[in-house]
Amino acid sequence: MPVDYRAPLADMHFIVHQLIPLSRIQTLPGYEEVDDDLVNTILEEASKFANQVLSPINWTGDQEGCILEHAVVKTPSGFKDAYQQYIEAGWISLAANPNFGGQGLPASLATPVNEMWHSANMAFMLCPMLTAGAIEAIEHLSLIHI
């Protein structure tokens, strides 16, 4: 039975602002410009994406699953459109290194964002996980060989 997910935005704000104080993150190289306005905007938009895009197709993902037909993988109804929105909004690159096209935001911000999305729709969020892993592997290997 479908469940209407609502991201626990207050909890995410607590994590980012109280458990891992932003003032400490801002002392780290590369994160000096990450301020309250940016963090709050990202959490708000990530919450909207979870509530309005991912949650409504969660049940579909569980019921339909991915299907391999004629060497082509077909994703559940709504996944293609949701993935397009995910890419266009730049969500895939949230914590990725700016040298490789990422936004370079702290993992302490990306983690609560991903928590909301995985809770809203685990089936969907398993799809871009391999891309995130590939980004990390490429970054690690390129740094070794530089």
N, C-alpha and C. Protein backbone atom coordinates (compact mmCIF):
# COMPACT_ATOMS: atom_id res chain seq x y z
N MET A 1 0.84 -1.18 0.00
CA MET A 1 0.00 0.00 0.00
C MET A 1 0.89 1.25 0.00
N PRO A 2 0.58 2.22 -0.84
CA PRO A 2 1.39 3.45 -0.91
C PRO A 2 1.40 4.21 0.42
N VAL A 3 2.55 4.75 0.72
CA VAL A 3 2.72 5.56 1.93
C VAL A 3 3.18 6.95 1.49
N ASP A 4 2.55 7.97 2.03
CA ASP A 4 2.90 9.34 1.70
C ASP A 4 4.06 9.77 2.60
N TYR A 5 5.25 9.85 2.03
CA TYR A 5 6.44 10.23 2.81
C TYR A 5 6.54 11.73 2.94
N ARG A 6 6.89 12.18 4.11
CA ARG A 6 7.18 13.59 4.36
C ARG A 6 8.55 13.65 5.02
N ALA A 7 9.48 14.30 4.35
CA ALA A 7 10.85 14.40 4.87
C ALA A 7 10.86 15.11 6.22
N PRO A 8 11.60 14.57 7.18
CA PRO A 8 11.70 15.20 8.50
C PRO A 8 12.66 16.39 8.47
N LEU A 9 12.22 17.45 7.86
CA LEU A 9 13.08 18.60 7.61
C LEU A 9 13.65 19.20 8.90
N ALA A 10 12.85 19.26 9.95
CA ALA A 10 13.34 19.81 11.22
C ALA A 10 14.51 18.97 11.74
N ASP A 11 14.41 17.65 11.59
CA ASP A 11 15.50 16.77 12.03
C ASP A 11 16.76 17.01 11.21
N MET A 12 16.60 17.23 9.92
CA MET A 12 17.75 17.46 9.06
C MET A 12 18.42 18.80 9.40
N HIS A 13 17.62 19.80 9.69
CA HIS A 13 18.19 21.09 10.13
C HIS A 13 18.95 20.91 11.44
N PHE A 14 18.39 20.13 12.34
CA PHE A 14 19.06 19.88 13.62
C PHE A 14 20.42 19.22 13.40
N ILE A 15 20.46 18.22 12.54
CA ILE A 15 21.71 17.51 12.27
C ILE A 15 22.77 18.47 11.73
N VAL A 16 22.39 19.24 10.72
CA VAL A 16 23.36 20.12 10.06
C VAL A 16 23.75 21.32 10.92
N HIS A 17 22.83 21.82 11.70
CA HIS A 17 23.13 23.04 12.46
C HIS A 17 23.55 22.79 13.91
N GLN A 18 23.16 21.65 14.48
CA GLN A 18 23.47 21.40 15.89
C GLN A 18 24.47 20.27 16.09
N LEU A 19 24.23 19.11 15.49
CA LEU A 19 25.14 17.98 15.68
C LEU A 19 26.49 18.21 15.03
N ILE A 20 26.45 18.72 13.83
CA ILE A 20 27.68 19.02 13.09
C ILE A 20 27.63 20.50 12.76
N PRO A 21 28.00 21.35 13.70
CA PRO A 21 27.83 22.79 13.50
C PRO A 21 28.49 23.30 12.21
N LEU A 22 27.72 24.04 11.47
CA LEU A 22 28.20 24.61 10.22
C LEU A 22 29.42 25.50 10.45
N SER A 23 29.47 26.15 11.59
CA SER A 23 30.61 27.03 11.89
C SER A 23 31.93 26.25 11.89
N ARG A 24 31.88 24.98 12.25
CA ARG A 24 33.10 24.16 12.23
C ARG A 24 33.44 23.72 10.81
N ILE A 25 32.40 23.41 10.04
CA ILE A 25 32.61 22.99 8.65
C ILE A 25 33.23 24.14 7.86
N GLN A 26 32.80 25.36 8.13
CA GLN A 26 33.29 26.53 7.40
C GLN A 26 34.77 26.81 7.63
N THR A 27 35.36 26.22 8.64
CA THR A 27 36.80 26.40 8.90
C THR A 27 37.64 25.49 8.02
N LEU A 28 37.01 24.54 7.35
CA LEU A 28 37.74 23.60 6.50
C LEU A 28 37.96 24.19 5.11
N PRO A 29 39.10 23.90 4.50
CA PRO A 29 39.39 24.43 3.16
C PRO A 29 38.33 24.00 2.15
N GLY A 30 37.85 24.97 1.39
CA GLY A 30 36.86 24.70 0.35
C GLY A 30 35.43 24.88 0.79
N TYR A 31 35.20 24.98 2.09
CA TYR A 31 33.83 25.10 2.60
C TYR A 31 33.56 26.46 3.25
N GLU A 32 34.45 27.40 3.04
CA GLU A 32 34.31 28.72 3.67
C GLU A 32 33.03 29.45 3.27
N GLU A 33 32.55 29.21 2.07
CA GLU A 33 31.37 29.93 1.57
C GLU A 33 30.06 29.17 1.78
N VAL A 34 30.13 28.03 2.43
CA VAL A 34 28.91 27.27 2.72
C VAL A 34 28.26 27.92 3.95
N ASP A 35 27.18 28.67 3.70
CA ASP A 35 26.55 29.40 4.80
C ASP A 35 25.15 28.87 5.10
N ASP A 36 24.53 29.44 6.12
CA ASP A 36 23.20 29.00 6.54
C ASP A 36 22.18 29.09 5.41
N ASP A 37 22.20 30.17 4.65
CA ASP A 37 21.23 30.33 3.57
C ASP A 37 21.36 29.22 2.53
N LEU A 38 22.59 28.91 2.15
CA LEU A 38 22.82 27.85 1.17
C LEU A 38 22.35 26.50 1.71
N VAL A 39 22.76 26.19 2.92
CA VAL A 39 22.39 24.91 3.55
C VAL A 39 20.87 24.79 3.68
N ASN A 40 20.23 25.83 4.16
CA ASN A 40 18.77 25.80 4.33
C ASN A 40 18.05 25.64 3.00
N THR A 41 18.54 26.32 1.98
CA THR A 41 17.93 26.20 0.65
C THR A 41 18.08 24.78 0.11
N ILE A 42 19.26 24.21 0.26
CA ILE A 42 19.48 22.84 -0.22
C ILE A 42 18.59 21.85 0.52
N LEU A 43 18.51 21.97 1.84
CA LEU A 43 17.65 21.07 2.61
C LEU A 43 16.18 21.22 2.22
N GLU A 44 15.74 22.45 2.02
CA GLU A 44 14.34 22.70 1.62
C GLU A 44 14.05 22.08 0.25
N GLU A 45 14.93 22.32 -0.71
CA GLU A 45 14.72 21.80 -2.06
C GLU A 45 14.83 20.27 -2.10
N ALA A 46 15.74 19.72 -1.33
CA ALA A 46 15.88 18.27 -1.26
C ALA A 46 14.63 17.64 -0.64
N SER A 47 14.07 18.32 0.34
CA SER A 47 12.83 17.86 0.97
C SER A 47 11.68 17.87 -0.04
N LYS A 48 11.58 18.94 -0.81
CA LYS A 48 10.54 19.02 -1.85
C LYS A 48 10.70 17.90 -2.86
N PHE A 49 11.95 17.64 -3.27
CA PHE A 49 12.20 16.57 -4.24
C PHE A 49 11.76 15.22 -3.66
N ALA A 50 12.08 15.00 -2.39
CA ALA A 50 11.67 13.75 -1.73
C ALA A 50 10.15 13.63 -1.67
N ASN A 51 9.51 14.68 -1.22
CA ASN A 51 8.06 14.66 -1.00
C ASN A 51 7.25 14.66 -2.29
N GLN A 52 7.67 15.48 -3.26
CA GLN A 52 6.85 15.71 -4.45
C GLN A 52 7.22 14.84 -5.65
N VAL A 53 8.46 14.38 -5.71
CA VAL A 53 8.91 13.61 -6.88
C VAL A 53 9.14 12.14 -6.52
N LEU A 54 9.94 11.89 -5.50
CA LEU A 54 10.32 10.52 -5.18
C LEU A 54 9.23 9.72 -4.47
N SER A 55 8.62 10.30 -3.47
CA SER A 55 7.61 9.58 -2.70
C SER A 55 6.43 9.09 -3.56
N PRO A 56 5.90 9.92 -4.45
CA PRO A 56 4.76 9.46 -5.25
C PRO A 56 5.06 8.25 -6.16
N ILE A 57 6.32 8.02 -6.52
CA ILE A 57 6.63 6.88 -7.40
C ILE A 57 7.27 5.72 -6.62
N ASN A 58 7.30 5.82 -5.31
CA ASN A 58 7.89 4.76 -4.50
C ASN A 58 7.15 3.43 -4.67
N TRP A 59 5.84 3.47 -4.55
CA TRP A 59 5.03 2.25 -4.67
C TRP A 59 5.19 1.63 -6.06
N THR A 60 5.22 2.46 -7.08
CA THR A 60 5.40 1.98 -8.45
C THR A 60 6.72 1.24 -8.59
N GLY A 61 7.77 1.80 -8.01
CA GLY A 61 9.08 1.15 -8.07
C GLY A 61 9.07 -0.20 -7.42
N ASP A 62 8.40 -0.32 -6.28
CA ASP A 62 8.34 -1.60 -5.58
C ASP A 62 7.48 -2.61 -6.34
N GLN A 63 6.41 -2.16 -6.95
CA GLN A 63 5.50 -3.07 -7.64
C GLN A 63 5.98 -3.48 -9.03
N GLU A 64 6.54 -2.54 -9.78
CA GLU A 64 6.95 -2.83 -11.16
C GLU A 64 8.38 -3.35 -11.23
N GLY A 65 9.27 -2.74 -10.49
CA GLY A 65 10.68 -3.10 -10.57
C GLY A 65 11.26 -2.78 -11.94
N CYS A 66 12.52 -3.11 -12.11
CA CYS A 66 13.19 -2.95 -13.41
C CYS A 66 13.04 -4.23 -14.20
N ILE A 67 12.90 -4.10 -15.50
CA ILE A 67 12.70 -5.26 -16.36
C ILE A 67 13.70 -5.20 -17.51
N LEU A 68 14.33 -6.33 -17.78
CA LEU A 68 15.26 -6.43 -18.91
C LEU A 68 14.51 -7.05 -20.09
N GLU A 69 14.35 -6.28 -21.16
CA GLU A 69 13.67 -6.76 -22.37
C GLU A 69 14.52 -6.42 -23.59
N HIS A 70 14.89 -7.42 -24.35
CA HIS A 70 15.64 -7.21 -25.58
C HIS A 70 16.90 -6.38 -25.33
N ALA A 71 17.63 -6.73 -24.29
CA ALA A 71 18.90 -6.08 -23.92
C ALA A 71 18.73 -4.61 -23.51
N VAL A 72 17.51 -4.23 -23.13
CA VAL A 72 17.24 -2.87 -22.67
C VAL A 72 16.57 -2.97 -21.29
N VAL A 73 17.08 -2.19 -20.35
CA VAL A 73 16.48 -2.16 -19.01
C VAL A 73 15.38 -1.11 -19.00
N LYS A 74 14.19 -1.54 -18.61
CA LYS A 74 13.06 -0.62 -18.47
C LYS A 74 12.84 -0.38 -16.98
N THR A 75 12.84 0.89 -16.63
CA THR A 75 12.63 1.26 -15.23
C THR A 75 11.14 1.45 -14.96
N PRO A 76 10.75 1.44 -13.71
CA PRO A 76 9.33 1.62 -13.37
C PRO A 76 8.78 2.96 -13.85
N SER A 77 7.48 3.02 -13.97
CA SER A 77 6.79 4.24 -14.40
C SER A 77 7.21 5.41 -13.52
N GLY A 78 7.56 6.51 -14.15
CA GLY A 78 7.93 7.72 -13.43
C GLY A 78 9.41 7.87 -13.13
N PHE A 79 10.16 6.78 -13.20
CA PHE A 79 11.58 6.84 -12.84
C PHE A 79 12.39 7.67 -13.83
N LYS A 80 12.09 7.54 -15.12
CA LYS A 80 12.85 8.28 -16.12
C LYS A 80 12.69 9.78 -15.92
N ASP A 81 11.46 10.22 -15.72
CA ASP A 81 11.21 11.65 -15.49
C ASP A 81 11.85 12.12 -14.19
N ALA A 82 11.75 11.32 -13.14
CA ALA A 82 12.36 11.69 -11.85
C ALA A 82 13.88 11.78 -11.99
N TYR A 83 14.47 10.85 -12.73
CA TYR A 83 15.92 10.87 -12.91
C TYR A 83 16.34 12.12 -13.70
N GLN A 84 15.56 12.48 -14.69
CA GLN A 84 15.86 13.69 -15.47
C GLN A 84 15.84 14.92 -14.56
N GLN A 85 14.86 15.00 -13.69
CA GLN A 85 14.79 16.12 -12.74
C GLN A 85 15.98 16.09 -11.78
N TYR A 86 16.36 14.90 -11.36
CA TYR A 86 17.50 14.70 -10.46
C TYR A 86 18.79 15.23 -11.09
N ILE A 87 18.99 14.90 -12.35
CA ILE A 87 20.19 15.33 -13.07
C ILE A 87 20.15 16.84 -13.34
N GLU A 88 19.02 17.33 -13.85
CA GLU A 88 18.90 18.76 -14.18
C GLU A 88 19.11 19.66 -12.97
N ALA A 89 18.71 19.19 -11.80
CA ALA A 89 18.88 19.98 -10.58
C ALA A 89 20.30 19.89 -10.03
N GLY A 90 21.12 19.02 -10.60
CA GLY A 90 22.50 18.89 -10.15
C GLY A 90 22.68 18.08 -8.88
N TRP A 91 21.66 17.32 -8.50
CA TRP A 91 21.75 16.58 -7.25
C TRP A 91 22.85 15.53 -7.24
N ILE A 92 23.12 14.91 -8.38
CA ILE A 92 24.13 13.85 -8.43
C ILE A 92 25.51 14.36 -8.03
N SER A 93 25.75 15.64 -8.22
CA SER A 93 27.09 16.18 -8.00
C SER A 93 27.23 16.96 -6.69
N LEU A 94 26.29 16.83 -5.80
CA LEU A 94 26.25 17.64 -4.58
C LEU A 94 27.58 17.68 -3.83
N ALA A 95 28.12 16.52 -3.48
CA ALA A 95 29.36 16.49 -2.69
C ALA A 95 30.58 16.14 -3.54
N ALA A 96 30.39 16.03 -4.85
CA ALA A 96 31.52 15.66 -5.72
C ALA A 96 32.50 16.82 -5.85
N ASN A 97 33.73 16.48 -6.14
CA ASN A 97 34.83 17.43 -6.28
C ASN A 97 34.57 18.40 -7.45
N PRO A 98 34.68 19.70 -7.22
CA PRO A 98 34.48 20.68 -8.30
C PRO A 98 35.46 20.51 -9.46
N ASN A 99 36.63 19.94 -9.21
CA ASN A 99 37.59 19.69 -10.29
C ASN A 99 37.06 18.69 -11.31
N PHE A 100 36.04 17.93 -10.91
CA PHE A 100 35.46 16.93 -11.80
C PHE A 100 33.99 17.22 -12.09
N GLY A 101 33.59 18.49 -11.96
CA GLY A 101 32.22 18.88 -12.28
C GLY A 101 31.25 18.86 -11.11
N GLY A 102 31.74 18.57 -9.92
CA GLY A 102 30.87 18.52 -8.76
C GLY A 102 30.65 19.88 -8.13
N GLN A 103 29.78 19.91 -7.14
CA GLN A 103 29.49 21.15 -6.43
C GLN A 103 30.40 21.36 -5.22
N GLY A 104 31.08 20.30 -4.79
CA GLY A 104 32.04 20.43 -3.70
C GLY A 104 31.45 20.77 -2.35
N LEU A 105 30.22 20.38 -2.11
CA LEU A 105 29.61 20.66 -0.81
C LEU A 105 29.99 19.58 0.19
N PRO A 106 29.94 19.88 1.47
CA PRO A 106 30.38 18.92 2.47
C PRO A 106 29.49 17.67 2.54
N ALA A 107 30.12 16.54 2.83
CA ALA A 107 29.38 15.29 3.00
C ALA A 107 28.38 15.41 4.15
N SER A 108 28.68 16.26 5.12
CA SER A 108 27.76 16.45 6.25
C SER A 108 26.44 17.09 5.80
N LEU A 109 26.41 17.67 4.62
CA LEU A 109 25.17 18.18 4.04
C LEU A 109 24.56 17.15 3.09
N ALA A 110 25.40 16.50 2.31
CA ALA A 110 24.91 15.51 1.35
C ALA A 110 24.27 14.31 2.06
N THR A 111 24.77 13.95 3.23
CA THR A 111 24.25 12.79 3.94
C THR A 111 22.79 12.95 4.36
N PRO A 112 22.41 14.04 5.02
CA PRO A 112 20.98 14.18 5.34
C PRO A 112 20.10 14.31 4.09
N VAL A 113 20.64 14.90 3.05
CA VAL A 113 19.89 14.99 1.79
C VAL A 113 19.62 13.58 1.26
N ASN A 114 20.66 12.76 1.20
CA ASN A 114 20.49 11.39 0.73
C ASN A 114 19.58 10.57 1.64
N GLU A 115 19.64 10.83 2.92
CA GLU A 115 18.76 10.13 3.87
C GLU A 115 17.29 10.39 3.53
N MET A 116 16.95 11.64 3.24
CA MET A 116 15.56 11.96 2.87
C MET A 116 15.15 11.22 1.61
N TRP A 117 16.04 11.22 0.63
CA TRP A 117 15.70 10.59 -0.65
C TRP A 117 15.61 9.08 -0.55
N HIS A 118 16.53 8.46 0.16
CA HIS A 118 16.49 7.00 0.32
C HIS A 118 15.24 6.59 1.09
N SER A 119 14.85 7.39 2.06
CA SER A 119 13.63 7.10 2.82
C SER A 119 12.39 7.28 1.96
N ALA A 120 12.41 8.24 1.07
CA ALA A 120 11.25 8.50 0.21
C ALA A 120 11.10 7.44 -0.88
N ASN A 121 12.24 6.92 -1.38
CA ASN A 121 12.16 5.97 -2.48
C ASN A 121 13.50 5.23 -2.64
N MET A 122 13.64 4.15 -1.91
CA MET A 122 14.89 3.38 -1.95
C MET A 122 15.14 2.81 -3.34
N ALA A 123 14.09 2.30 -3.99
CA ALA A 123 14.27 1.69 -5.31
C ALA A 123 14.87 2.69 -6.30
N PHE A 124 14.36 3.91 -6.29
CA PHE A 124 14.90 4.93 -7.20
C PHE A 124 16.34 5.27 -6.84
N MET A 125 16.61 5.49 -5.57
CA MET A 125 17.93 5.94 -5.16
C MET A 125 19.02 4.89 -5.34
N LEU A 126 18.64 3.64 -5.51
CA LEU A 126 19.65 2.62 -5.82
C LEU A 126 20.20 2.82 -7.23
N CYS A 127 19.42 3.44 -8.11
CA CYS A 127 19.86 3.65 -9.50
C CYS A 127 21.09 4.56 -9.59
N PRO A 128 21.09 5.76 -9.02
CA PRO A 128 22.27 6.62 -9.15
C PRO A 128 23.41 6.28 -8.20
N MET A 129 23.21 5.29 -7.32
CA MET A 129 24.30 4.94 -6.39
C MET A 129 25.56 4.50 -7.12
N LEU A 130 25.39 3.75 -8.20
CA LEU A 130 26.57 3.30 -8.95
C LEU A 130 27.30 4.47 -9.57
N THR A 131 26.56 5.48 -10.02
CA THR A 131 27.20 6.67 -10.58
C THR A 131 28.00 7.39 -9.51
N ALA A 132 27.43 7.54 -8.33
CA ALA A 132 28.14 8.20 -7.23
C ALA A 132 29.40 7.41 -6.88
N GLY A 133 29.30 6.09 -6.87
CA GLY A 133 30.47 5.25 -6.60
C GLY A 133 31.53 5.39 -7.68
N ALA A 134 31.09 5.46 -8.92
CA ALA A 134 32.04 5.63 -10.03
C ALA A 134 32.75 6.98 -9.94
N ILE A 135 32.01 8.02 -9.58
CA ILE A 135 32.62 9.34 -9.41
C ILE A 135 33.71 9.29 -8.36
N GLU A 136 33.41 8.65 -7.25
CA GLU A 136 34.39 8.55 -6.17
C GLU A 136 35.61 7.74 -6.59
N ALA A 137 35.39 6.64 -7.30
CA ALA A 137 36.51 5.81 -7.76
C ALA A 137 37.38 6.57 -8.76
N ILE A 138 36.77 7.25 -9.70
CA ILE A 138 37.53 8.02 -10.69
C ILE A 138 38.33 9.12 -10.01
N GLU A 139 37.70 9.81 -9.08
CA GLU A 139 38.40 10.86 -8.35
C GLU A 139 39.59 10.30 -7.59
N HIS A 140 39.39 9.21 -6.90
CA HIS A 140 40.47 8.60 -6.11
C HIS A 140 41.61 8.14 -7.02
N LEU A 141 41.28 7.47 -8.10
CA LEU A 141 42.31 6.97 -9.00
C LEU A 141 43.03 8.10 -9.72
N SER A 142 42.31 9.16 -10.07
CA SER A 142 42.97 10.27 -10.76
C SER A 142 43.92 11.00 -9.82
N LEU A 143 43.58 11.08 -8.55
CA LEU A 143 44.47 11.74 -7.59
C LEU A 143 45.73 10.92 -7.35
N ILE A 144 45.60 9.61 -7.42
CA ILE A 144 46.76 8.73 -7.24
C ILE A 144 47.75 8.90 -8.39
N HIS A 145 47.23 9.06 -9.59
CA HIS A 145 48.07 9.10 -10.79
C HIS A 145 48.51 10.51 -11.18
N ILE A 146 48.14 11.51 -10.43
CA ILE A 146 48.54 12.88 -10.77
C ILE A 146 49.92 13.16 -10.22
